[in-house]
Amino acid sequence: MRALWGSRMHRDYLSDALTLLGGWTREGQQIKRTLVLDDAQHAALTERVKVIADALHLRPEVRRLDGHTQIRIGSRDADALTENEVTLAARIEDVYRAVTDERS
């Protein structure tokens, strides 16, 4: 079953889940996050995110800009944000913690 952001029944569930993910903001039908990572951490995060995104059949936009890693998840079209997209954001948070802890 696909949970849609716009669906009244699941809107509160996805909103609550997204609220728990500090640092993520909603922009239209996408969610985004900017992370402070060095080049090696960016490379590690990008590889791990690709594996997770492939498993969820998603294509996040991950790019490097001015020493920051920017991530966008969701459709630029009229599609609503899905449960899998929020799940990917949560998994990215796990990966972010792992790659930043590796350097500590």
PDB file of N, CA and C in Angstrom:
ATOM      1  N   MET A   1       0.847  -1.184   0.000  1.00  0.00           N
ATOM      2  CA  MET A   1       0.000   0.000   0.000  1.00  0.00           C
ATOM      3  C   MET A   1       0.890   1.243   0.000  1.00  0.00           C
ATOM      4  N   ARG A   2       0.582   2.176  -0.826  1.00  0.00           N
ATOM      5  CA  ARG A   2       1.371   3.396  -0.939  1.00  0.00           C
ATOM      6  C   ARG A   2       0.689   4.510  -0.162  1.00  0.00           C
ATOM      7  N   ALA A   3       1.379   5.025   0.842  1.00  0.00           N
ATOM      8  CA  ALA A   3       0.835   6.119   1.645  1.00  0.00           C
ATOM      9  C   ALA A   3       1.182   7.438   0.974  1.00  0.00           C
ATOM     10  N   LEU A   4       0.215   8.252   0.706  1.00  0.00           N
ATOM     11  CA  LEU A   4       0.436   9.531   0.057  1.00  0.00           C
ATOM     12  C   LEU A   4       0.383  10.662   1.054  1.00  0.00           C
ATOM     13  N   TRP A   5       1.268  11.650   0.874  1.00  0.00           N
ATOM     14  CA  TRP A   5       1.297  12.809   1.759  1.00  0.00           C
ATOM     15  C   TRP A   5      -0.049  13.501   1.760  1.00  0.00           C
ATOM     16  N   GLY A   6      -0.667  13.605   0.622  1.00  0.00           N
ATOM     17  CA  GLY A   6      -1.927  14.326   0.508  1.00  0.00           C
ATOM     18  C   GLY A   6      -3.130  13.572   1.034  1.00  0.00           C
ATOM     19  N   SER A   7      -3.003  12.299   1.276  1.00  0.00           N
ATOM     20  CA  SER A   7      -4.109  11.509   1.782  1.00  0.00           C
ATOM     21  C   SER A   7      -4.397  11.899   3.228  1.00  0.00           C
ATOM     22  N   ARG A   8      -5.630  12.240   3.508  1.00  0.00           N
ATOM     23  CA  ARG A   8      -6.002  12.678   4.854  1.00  0.00           C
ATOM     24  C   ARG A   8      -5.655  11.629   5.901  1.00  0.00           C
ATOM     25  N   MET A   9      -5.900  10.364   5.560  1.00  0.00           N
ATOM     26  CA  MET A   9      -5.664   9.278   6.507  1.00  0.00           C
ATOM     27  C   MET A   9      -4.192   9.169   6.906  1.00  0.00           C
ATOM     28  N   HIS A  10      -3.276   9.387   5.962  1.00  0.00           N
ATOM     29  CA  HIS A  10      -1.858   9.204   6.243  1.00  0.00           C
ATOM     30  C   HIS A  10      -1.104  10.507   6.447  1.00  0.00           C
ATOM     31  N   ARG A  11      -1.752  11.619   6.233  1.00  0.00           N
ATOM     32  CA  ARG A  11      -1.058  12.899   6.327  1.00  0.00           C
ATOM     33  C   ARG A  11      -0.451  13.103   7.707  1.00  0.00           C
ATOM     34  N   ASP A  12      -1.200  12.839   8.753  1.00  0.00           N
ATOM     35  CA  ASP A  12      -0.681  13.024  10.100  1.00  0.00           C
ATOM     36  C   ASP A  12       0.476  12.076  10.389  1.00  0.00           C
ATOM     37  N   TYR A  13       0.364  10.847   9.931  1.00  0.00           N
ATOM     38  CA  TYR A  13       1.410   9.852  10.136  1.00  0.00           C
ATOM     39  C   TYR A  13       2.715  10.312   9.483  1.00  0.00           C
ATOM     40  N   LEU A  14       2.663  10.723   8.209  1.00  0.00           N
ATOM     41  CA  LEU A  14       3.872  11.155   7.521  1.00  0.00           C
ATOM     42  C   LEU A  14       4.384  12.477   8.063  1.00  0.00           C
ATOM     43  N   SER A  15       3.495  13.376   8.433  1.00  0.00           N
ATOM     44  CA  SER A  15       3.915  14.648   9.026  1.00  0.00           C
ATOM     45  C   SER A  15       4.639  14.401  10.339  1.00  0.00           C
ATOM     46  N   ASP A  16       4.098  13.521  11.166  1.00  0.00           N
ATOM     47  CA  ASP A  16       4.736  13.190  12.440  1.00  0.00           C
ATOM     48  C   ASP A  16       6.106  12.551  12.216  1.00  0.00           C
ATOM     49  N   ALA A  17       6.180  11.636  11.266  1.00  0.00           N
ATOM     50  CA  ALA A  17       7.456  10.977  10.979  1.00  0.00           C
ATOM     51  C   ALA A  17       8.482  11.989  10.487  1.00  0.00           C
ATOM     52  N   LEU A  18       8.077  12.885   9.621  1.00  0.00           N
ATOM     53  CA  LEU A  18       8.990  13.892   9.094  1.00  0.00           C
ATOM     54  C   LEU A  18       9.436  14.864  10.182  1.00  0.00           C
ATOM     55  N   THR A  19       8.546  15.181  11.102  1.00  0.00           N
ATOM     56  CA  THR A  19       8.872  16.073  12.215  1.00  0.00           C
ATOM     57  C   THR A  19       9.978  15.483  13.089  1.00  0.00           C
ATOM     58  N   LEU A  20       9.992  14.173  13.217  1.00  0.00           N
ATOM     59  CA  LEU A  20      11.017  13.506  14.025  1.00  0.00           C
ATOM     60  C   LEU A  20      12.392  13.534  13.365  1.00  0.00           C
ATOM     61  N   LEU A  21      12.422  13.836  12.084  1.00  0.00           N
ATOM     62  CA  LEU A  21      13.686  13.897  11.356  1.00  0.00           C
ATOM     63  C   LEU A  21      14.194  15.330  11.349  1.00  0.00           C
ATOM     64  N   GLY A  22      14.912  15.703  12.379  1.00  0.00           N
ATOM     65  CA  GLY A  22      15.427  17.056  12.486  1.00  0.00           C
ATOM     66  C   GLY A  22      16.297  17.432  11.301  1.00  0.00           C
ATOM     67  N   GLY A  23      16.137  18.654  10.832  1.00  0.00           N
ATOM     68  CA  GLY A  23      16.961  19.142   9.741  1.00  0.00           C
ATOM     69  C   GLY A  23      16.332  19.012   8.370  1.00  0.00           C
ATOM     70  N   TRP A  24      15.320  18.172   8.231  1.00  0.00           N
ATOM     71  CA  TRP A  24      14.640  18.004   6.951  1.00  0.00           C
ATOM     72  C   TRP A  24      13.538  19.043   6.839  1.00  0.00           C
ATOM     73  N   THR A  25      13.430  19.650   5.680  1.00  0.00           N
ATOM     74  CA  THR A  25      12.368  20.623   5.438  1.00  0.00           C
ATOM     75  C   THR A  25      11.600  20.220   4.192  1.00  0.00           C
ATOM     76  N   ARG A  26      10.357  20.620   4.167  1.00  0.00           N
ATOM     77  CA  ARG A  26       9.507  20.308   3.020  1.00  0.00           C
ATOM     78  C   ARG A  26       9.486  21.508   2.088  1.00  0.00           C
ATOM     79  N   GLU A  27       9.628  21.222   0.813  1.00  0.00           N
ATOM     80  CA  GLU A  27       9.588  22.257  -0.211  1.00  0.00           C
ATOM     81  C   GLU A  27       8.718  21.719  -1.338  1.00  0.00           C
ATOM     82  N   GLY A  28       7.451  22.108  -1.357  1.00  0.00           N
ATOM     83  CA  GLY A  28       6.517  21.545  -2.332  1.00  0.00           C
ATOM     84  C   GLY A  28       6.296  20.075  -2.043  1.00  0.00           C
ATOM     85  N   GLN A  29       6.501  19.248  -3.048  1.00  0.00           N
ATOM     86  CA  GLN A  29       6.328  17.804  -2.870  1.00  0.00           C
ATOM     87  C   GLN A  29       7.660  17.104  -2.599  1.00  0.00           C
ATOM     88  N   GLN A  30       8.664  17.875  -2.230  1.00  0.00           N
ATOM     89  CA  GLN A  30       9.972  17.313  -1.917  1.00  0.00           C
ATOM     90  C   GLN A  30      10.358  17.639  -0.481  1.00  0.00           C
ATOM     91  N   ILE A  31      11.272  16.820   0.042  1.00  0.00           N
ATOM     92  CA  ILE A  31      11.905  17.142   1.314  1.00  0.00           C
ATOM     93  C   ILE A  31      13.398  17.290   1.036  1.00  0.00           C
ATOM     94  N   LYS A  32      14.051  18.140   1.819  1.00  0.00           N
ATOM     95  CA  LYS A  32      15.468  18.389   1.566  1.00  0.00           C
ATOM     96  C   LYS A  32      16.232  18.521   2.866  1.00  0.00           C
ATOM     97  N   ARG A  33      17.550  18.317   2.735  1.00  0.00           N
ATOM     98  CA  ARG A  33      18.435  18.382   3.895  1.00  0.00           C
ATOM     99  C   ARG A  33      19.816  18.789   3.406  1.00  0.00           C
ATOM    100  N   THR A  34      20.493  19.633   4.157  1.00  0.00           N
ATOM    101  CA  THR A  34      21.872  20.013   3.867  1.00  0.00           C
ATOM    102  C   THR A  34      22.737  19.528   5.022  1.00  0.00           C
ATOM    103  N   LEU A  35      23.810  18.816   4.683  1.00  0.00           N
ATOM    104  CA  LEU A  35      24.697  18.222   5.674  1.00  0.00           C
ATOM    105  C   LEU A  35      26.102  18.784   5.518  1.00  0.00           C
ATOM    106  N   VAL A  36      26.782  18.965   6.632  1.00  0.00           N
ATOM    107  CA  VAL A  36      28.178  19.401   6.609  1.00  0.00           C
ATOM    108  C   VAL A  36      29.040  18.142   6.656  1.00  0.00           C
ATOM    109  N   LEU A  37      29.706  17.861   5.523  1.00  0.00           N
ATOM    110  CA  LEU A  37      30.547  16.673   5.393  1.00  0.00           C
ATOM    111  C   LEU A  37      31.811  17.035   4.630  1.00  0.00           C
ATOM    112  N   ASP A  38      32.910  16.346   4.952  1.00  0.00           N
ATOM    113  CA  ASP A  38      34.093  16.518   4.120  1.00  0.00           C
ATOM    114  C   ASP A  38      33.931  15.638   2.878  1.00  0.00           C
ATOM    115  N   ASP A  39      34.893  15.704   1.976  1.00  0.00           N
ATOM    116  CA  ASP A  39      34.764  14.974   0.706  1.00  0.00           C
ATOM    117  C   ASP A  39      34.676  13.463   0.900  1.00  0.00           C
ATOM    118  N   ALA A  40      35.465  12.919   1.809  1.00  0.00           N
ATOM    119  CA  ALA A  40      35.440  11.470   2.057  1.00  0.00           C
ATOM    120  C   ALA A  40      34.101  11.040   2.659  1.00  0.00           C
ATOM    121  N   GLN A  41      33.584  11.824   3.593  1.00  0.00           N
ATOM    122  CA  GLN A  41      32.292  11.520   4.193  1.00  0.00           C
ATOM    123  C   GLN A  41      31.180  11.620   3.151  1.00  0.00           C
ATOM    124  N   HIS A  42      31.268  12.620   2.281  1.00  0.00           N
ATOM    125  CA  HIS A  42      30.278  12.768   1.208  1.00  0.00           C
ATOM    126  C   HIS A  42      30.270  11.530   0.317  1.00  0.00           C
ATOM    127  N   ALA A  43      31.464  11.062  -0.055  1.00  0.00           N
ATOM    128  CA  ALA A  43      31.565   9.879  -0.913  1.00  0.00           C
ATOM    129  C   ALA A  43      30.971   8.650  -0.224  1.00  0.00           C
ATOM    130  N   ALA A  44      31.273   8.469   1.059  1.00  0.00           N
ATOM    131  CA  ALA A  44      30.746   7.326   1.808  1.00  0.00           C
ATOM    132  C   ALA A  44      29.230   7.402   1.918  1.00  0.00           C
ATOM    133  N   LEU A  45      28.720   8.587   2.224  1.00  0.00           N
ATOM    134  CA  LEU A  45      27.275   8.769   2.348  1.00  0.00           C
ATOM    135  C   LEU A  45      26.589   8.504   1.013  1.00  0.00           C
ATOM    136  N   THR A  46      27.131   9.035  -0.055  1.00  0.00           N
ATOM    137  CA  THR A  46      26.529   8.877  -1.377  1.00  0.00           C
ATOM    138  C   THR A  46      26.433   7.410  -1.769  1.00  0.00           C
ATOM    139  N   GLU A  47      27.492   6.640  -1.536  1.00  0.00           N
ATOM    140  CA  GLU A  47      27.476   5.209  -1.861  1.00  0.00           C
ATOM    141  C   GLU A  47      26.396   4.468  -1.078  1.00  0.00           C
ATOM    142  N   ARG A  48      26.310   4.731   0.208  1.00  0.00           N
ATOM    143  CA  ARG A  48      25.332   4.038   1.059  1.00  0.00           C
ATOM    144  C   ARG A  48      23.904   4.451   0.718  1.00  0.00           C
ATOM    145  N   VAL A  49      23.702   5.724   0.439  1.00  0.00           N
ATOM    146  CA  VAL A  49      22.364   6.209   0.075  1.00  0.00           C
ATOM    147  C   VAL A  49      21.915   5.564  -1.234  1.00  0.00           C
ATOM    148  N   LYS A  50      22.828   5.397  -2.170  1.00  0.00           N
ATOM    149  CA  LYS A  50      22.479   4.777  -3.454  1.00  0.00           C
ATOM    150  C   LYS A  50      21.942   3.367  -3.241  1.00  0.00           C
ATOM    151  N   VAL A  51      22.586   2.594  -2.385  1.00  0.00           N
ATOM    152  CA  VAL A  51      22.147   1.222  -2.109  1.00  0.00           C
ATOM    153  C   VAL A  51      20.743   1.217  -1.505  1.00  0.00           C
ATOM    154  N   ILE A  52      20.520   2.078  -0.521  1.00  0.00           N
ATOM    155  CA  ILE A  52      19.210   2.148   0.142  1.00  0.00           C
ATOM    156  C   ILE A  52      18.149   2.635  -0.834  1.00  0.00           C
ATOM    157  N   ALA A  53      18.455   3.669  -1.589  1.00  0.00           N
ATOM    158  CA  ALA A  53      17.491   4.227  -2.543  1.00  0.00           C
ATOM    159  C   ALA A  53      17.122   3.203  -3.617  1.00  0.00           C
ATOM    160  N   ASP A  54      18.108   2.446  -4.083  1.00  0.00           N
ATOM    161  CA  ASP A  54      17.820   1.404  -5.070  1.00  0.00           C
ATOM    162  C   ASP A  54      16.848   0.375  -4.508  1.00  0.00           C
ATOM    163  N   ALA A  55      17.046  -0.008  -3.261  1.00  0.00           N
ATOM    164  CA  ALA A  55      16.155  -0.983  -2.628  1.00  0.00           C
ATOM    165  C   ALA A  55      14.728  -0.447  -2.501  1.00  0.00           C
ATOM    166  N   LEU A  56      14.592   0.865  -2.323  1.00  0.00           N
ATOM    167  CA  LEU A  56      13.270   1.492  -2.190  1.00  0.00           C
ATOM    168  C   LEU A  56      12.724   1.992  -3.527  1.00  0.00           C
ATOM    169  N   HIS A  57      13.472   1.787  -4.595  1.00  0.00           N
ATOM    170  CA  HIS A  57      13.088   2.230  -5.947  1.00  0.00           C
ATOM    171  C   HIS A  57      12.881   3.739  -6.007  1.00  0.00           C
ATOM    172  N   LEU A  58      13.830   4.462  -5.412  1.00  0.00           N
ATOM    173  CA  LEU A  58      13.774   5.925  -5.392  1.00  0.00           C
ATOM    174  C   LEU A  58      15.052   6.499  -5.992  1.00  0.00           C
ATOM    175  N   ARG A  59      14.974   7.733  -6.416  1.00  0.00           N
ATOM    176  CA  ARG A  59      16.125   8.425  -6.985  1.00  0.00           C
ATOM    177  C   ARG A  59      16.289   9.794  -6.326  1.00  0.00           C
ATOM    178  N   PRO A  60      16.934   9.825  -5.160  1.00  0.00           N
ATOM    179  CA  PRO A  60      17.158  11.125  -4.518  1.00  0.00           C
ATOM    180  C   PRO A  60      18.215  11.912  -5.290  1.00  0.00           C
ATOM    181  N   GLU A  61      18.170  13.197  -5.138  1.00  0.00           N
ATOM    182  CA  GLU A  61      19.204  14.059  -5.720  1.00  0.00           C
ATOM    183  C   GLU A  61      20.211  14.351  -4.610  1.00  0.00           C
ATOM    184  N   VAL A  62      21.450  13.921  -4.810  1.00  0.00           N
ATOM    185  CA  VAL A  62      22.519  14.153  -3.832  1.00  0.00           C
ATOM    186  C   VAL A  62      23.619  14.910  -4.563  1.00  0.00           C
ATOM    187  N   ARG A  63      23.952  16.092  -4.043  1.00  0.00           N
ATOM    188  CA  ARG A  63      25.001  16.868  -4.713  1.00  0.00           C
ATOM    189  C   ARG A  63      25.878  17.573  -3.696  1.00  0.00           C
ATOM    190  N   ARG A  64      27.061  17.907  -4.156  1.00  0.00           N
ATOM    191  CA  ARG A  64      28.069  18.578  -3.338  1.00  0.00           C
ATOM    192  C   ARG A  64      28.130  20.032  -3.770  1.00  0.00           C
ATOM    193  N   LEU A  65      28.053  20.947  -2.809  1.00  0.00           N
ATOM    194  CA  LEU A  65      28.084  22.361  -3.135  1.00  0.00           C
ATOM    195  C   LEU A  65      28.701  23.139  -1.974  1.00  0.00           C
ATOM    196  N   ASP A  66      29.792  23.827  -2.240  1.00  0.00           N
ATOM    197  CA  ASP A  66      30.443  24.688  -1.243  1.00  0.00           C
ATOM    198  C   ASP A  66      30.713  23.988   0.087  1.00  0.00           C
ATOM    199  N   GLY A  67      31.225  22.757   0.022  1.00  0.00           N
ATOM    200  CA  GLY A  67      31.565  22.037   1.245  1.00  0.00           C
ATOM    201  C   GLY A  67      30.385  21.408   1.966  1.00  0.00           C
ATOM    202  N   HIS A  68      29.240  21.435   1.348  1.00  0.00           N
ATOM    203  CA  HIS A  68      28.035  20.851   1.939  1.00  0.00           C
ATOM    204  C   HIS A  68      27.471  19.786   1.006  1.00  0.00           C
ATOM    205  N   THR A  69      26.761  18.840   1.577  1.00  0.00           N
ATOM    206  CA  THR A  69      26.054  17.835   0.806  1.00  0.00           C
ATOM    207  C   THR A  69      24.573  18.161   0.879  1.00  0.00           C
ATOM    208  N   GLN A  70      23.968  18.343  -0.267  1.00  0.00           N
ATOM    209  CA  GLN A  70      22.546  18.670  -0.340  1.00  0.00           C
ATOM    210  C   GLN A  70      21.785  17.460  -0.871  1.00  0.00           C
ATOM    211  N   ILE A  71      20.692  17.144  -0.211  1.00  0.00           N
ATOM    212  CA  ILE A  71      19.885  15.982  -0.584  1.00  0.00           C
ATOM    213  C   ILE A  71      18.442  16.443  -0.779  1.00  0.00           C
ATOM    214  N   ARG A  72      17.850  15.997  -1.877  1.00  0.00           N
ATOM    215  CA  ARG A  72      16.430  16.231  -2.153  1.00  0.00           C
ATOM    216  C   ARG A  72      15.780  14.888  -2.450  1.00  0.00           C
ATOM    217  N   ILE A  73      14.624  14.688  -1.842  1.00  0.00           N
ATOM    218  CA  ILE A  73      13.864  13.454  -2.058  1.00  0.00           C
ATOM    219  C   ILE A  73      12.447  13.862  -2.445  1.00  0.00           C
ATOM    220  N   GLY A  74      11.916  13.198  -3.444  1.00  0.00           N
ATOM    221  CA  GLY A  74      10.539  13.455  -3.854  1.00  0.00           C
ATOM    222  C   GLY A  74      10.459  13.871  -5.300  1.00  0.00           C
ATOM    223  N   SER A  75       9.257  14.006  -5.753  1.00  0.00           N
ATOM    224  CA  SER A  75       9.000  14.339  -7.139  1.00  0.00           C
ATOM    225  C   SER A  75       8.841  15.843  -7.313  1.00  0.00           C
ATOM    226  N   ARG A  76       9.366  16.349  -8.404  1.00  0.00           N
ATOM    227  CA  ARG A  76       9.146  17.763  -8.723  1.00  0.00           C
ATOM    228  C   ARG A  76       7.779  17.945  -9.372  1.00  0.00           C
ATOM    229  N   ASP A  77       7.172  16.836  -9.752  1.00  0.00           N
ATOM    230  CA  ASP A  77       5.836  16.868 -10.353  1.00  0.00           C
ATOM    231  C   ASP A  77       4.785  16.976  -9.259  1.00  0.00           C
ATOM    232  N   ALA A  78       3.572  16.696  -9.592  1.00  0.00           N
ATOM    233  CA  ALA A  78       2.457  16.847  -8.651  1.00  0.00           C
ATOM    234  C   ALA A  78       2.271  15.645  -7.723  1.00  0.00           C
ATOM    235  N   ASP A  79       3.155  14.635  -7.837  1.00  0.00           N
ATOM    236  CA  ASP A  79       3.004  13.466  -6.977  1.00  0.00           C
ATOM    237  C   ASP A  79       3.182  13.847  -5.508  1.00  0.00           C
ATOM    238  N   ALA A  80       2.433  13.202  -4.654  1.00  0.00           N
ATOM    239  CA  ALA A  80       2.527  13.449  -3.217  1.00  0.00           C
ATOM    240  C   ALA A  80       3.727  12.700  -2.632  1.00  0.00           C
ATOM    241  N   LEU A  81       4.250  13.184  -1.537  1.00  0.00           N
ATOM    242  CA  LEU A  81       5.341  12.538  -0.831  1.00  0.00           C
ATOM    243  C   LEU A  81       4.863  11.188  -0.312  1.00  0.00           C
ATOM    244  N   THR A  82       5.705  10.163  -0.461  1.00  0.00           N
ATOM    245  CA  THR A  82       5.297   8.813  -0.076  1.00  0.00           C
ATOM    246  C   THR A  82       5.967   8.362   1.218  1.00  0.00           C
ATOM    247  N   GLU A  83       5.454   7.297   1.745  1.00  0.00           N
ATOM    248  CA  GLU A  83       6.027   6.679   2.940  1.00  0.00           C
ATOM    249  C   GLU A  83       7.469   6.244   2.683  1.00  0.00           C
ATOM    250  N   ASN A  84       7.746   5.697   1.506  1.00  0.00           N
ATOM    251  CA  ASN A  84       9.114   5.274   1.177  1.00  0.00           C
ATOM    252  C   ASN A  84      10.080   6.453   1.157  1.00  0.00           C
ATOM    253  N   GLU A  85       9.625   7.596   0.719  1.00  0.00           N
ATOM    254  CA  GLU A  85      10.491   8.771   0.689  1.00  0.00           C
ATOM    255  C   GLU A  85      10.837   9.243   2.099  1.00  0.00           C
ATOM    256  N   VAL A  86       9.876   9.196   2.994  1.00  0.00           N
ATOM    257  CA  VAL A  86      10.145   9.545   4.393  1.00  0.00           C
ATOM    258  C   VAL A  86      11.049   8.481   5.023  1.00  0.00           C
ATOM    259  N   THR A  87      10.835   7.225   4.662  1.00  0.00           N
ATOM    260  CA  THR A  87      11.699   6.144   5.142  1.00  0.00           C
ATOM    261  C   THR A  87      13.131   6.363   4.675  1.00  0.00           C
ATOM    262  N   LEU A  88      13.302   6.753   3.422  1.00  0.00           N
ATOM    263  CA  LEU A  88      14.643   7.030   2.906  1.00  0.00           C
ATOM    264  C   LEU A  88      15.302   8.157   3.695  1.00  0.00           C
ATOM    265  N   ALA A  89      14.565   9.197   3.995  1.00  0.00           N
ATOM    266  CA  ALA A  89      15.120  10.302   4.790  1.00  0.00           C
ATOM    267  C   ALA A  89      15.602   9.794   6.149  1.00  0.00           C
ATOM    268  N   ALA A  90      14.826   8.937   6.777  1.00  0.00           N
ATOM    269  CA  ALA A  90      15.231   8.378   8.076  1.00  0.00           C
ATOM    270  C   ALA A  90      16.496   7.534   7.938  1.00  0.00           C
ATOM    271  N   ARG A  91      16.581   6.749   6.888  1.00  0.00           N
ATOM    272  CA  ARG A  91      17.769   5.925   6.662  1.00  0.00           C
ATOM    273  C   ARG A  91      18.992   6.802   6.365  1.00  0.00           C
ATOM    274  N   ILE A  92      18.782   7.905   5.661  1.00  0.00           N
ATOM    275  CA  ILE A  92      19.884   8.832   5.394  1.00  0.00           C
ATOM    276  C   ILE A  92      20.412   9.415   6.701  1.00  0.00           C
ATOM    277  N   GLU A  93      19.508   9.696   7.636  1.00  0.00           N
ATOM    278  CA  GLU A  93      19.948  10.184   8.948  1.00  0.00           C
ATOM    279  C   GLU A  93      20.838   9.152   9.630  1.00  0.00           C
ATOM    280  N   ASP A  94      20.478   7.878   9.541  1.00  0.00           N
ATOM    281  CA  ASP A  94      21.307   6.812  10.111  1.00  0.00           C
ATOM    282  C   ASP A  94      22.684   6.781   9.453  1.00  0.00           C
ATOM    283  N   VAL A  95      22.695   6.883   8.127  1.00  0.00           N
ATOM    284  CA  VAL A  95      23.957   6.871   7.384  1.00  0.00           C
ATOM    285  C   VAL A  95      24.801   8.088   7.743  1.00  0.00           C
ATOM    286  N   TYR A  96      24.179   9.228   7.867  1.00  0.00           N
ATOM    287  CA  TYR A  96      24.882  10.467   8.231  1.00  0.00           C
ATOM    288  C   TYR A  96      25.583  10.297   9.580  1.00  0.00           C
ATOM    289  N   ARG A  97      24.875   9.763  10.549  1.00  0.00           N
ATOM    290  CA  ARG A  97      25.481   9.528  11.861  1.00  0.00           C
ATOM    291  C   ARG A  97      26.652   8.543  11.753  1.00  0.00           C
ATOM    292  N   ALA A  98      26.474   7.512  10.954  1.00  0.00           N
ATOM    293  CA  ALA A  98      27.530   6.488  10.812  1.00  0.00           C
ATOM    294  C   ALA A  98      28.779   7.074  10.156  1.00  0.00           C
ATOM    295  N   VAL A  99      28.622   7.841   9.081  1.00  0.00           N
ATOM    296  CA  VAL A  99      29.823   8.355   8.400  1.00  0.00           C
ATOM    297  C   VAL A  99      30.504   9.457   9.190  1.00  0.00           C
ATOM    298  N   THR A 100      29.769  10.200   9.991  1.00  0.00           N
ATOM    299  CA  THR A 100      30.416  11.227  10.807  1.00  0.00           C
ATOM    300  C   THR A 100      31.051  10.614  12.057  1.00  0.00           C
ATOM    301  N   ASP A 101      30.508   9.512  12.556  1.00  0.00           N
ATOM    302  CA  ASP A 101      31.106   8.814  13.711  1.00  0.00           C
ATOM    303  C   ASP A 101      32.387   8.098  13.330  1.00  0.00           C
ATOM    304  N   GLU A 102      32.517   7.659  12.077  1.00  0.00           N
ATOM    305  CA  GLU A 102      33.703   6.936  11.625  1.00  0.00           C
ATOM    306  C   GLU A 102      34.952   7.796  11.737  1.00  0.00           C
ATOM    307  N   ARG A 103      34.808   9.083  11.600  1.00  0.00           N
ATOM    308  CA  ARG A 103      35.941  10.008  11.645  1.00  0.00           C
ATOM    309  C   ARG A 103      36.287  10.453  13.065  1.00  0.00           C
ATOM    310  N   SER A 104      35.401  10.175  13.999  1.00  0.00           N
ATOM    311  CA  SER A 104      35.614  10.639  15.377  1.00  0.00           C
ATOM    312  C   SER A 104      36.670   9.851  16.096  1.00  0.00           C
TER     313      SER A 104
END
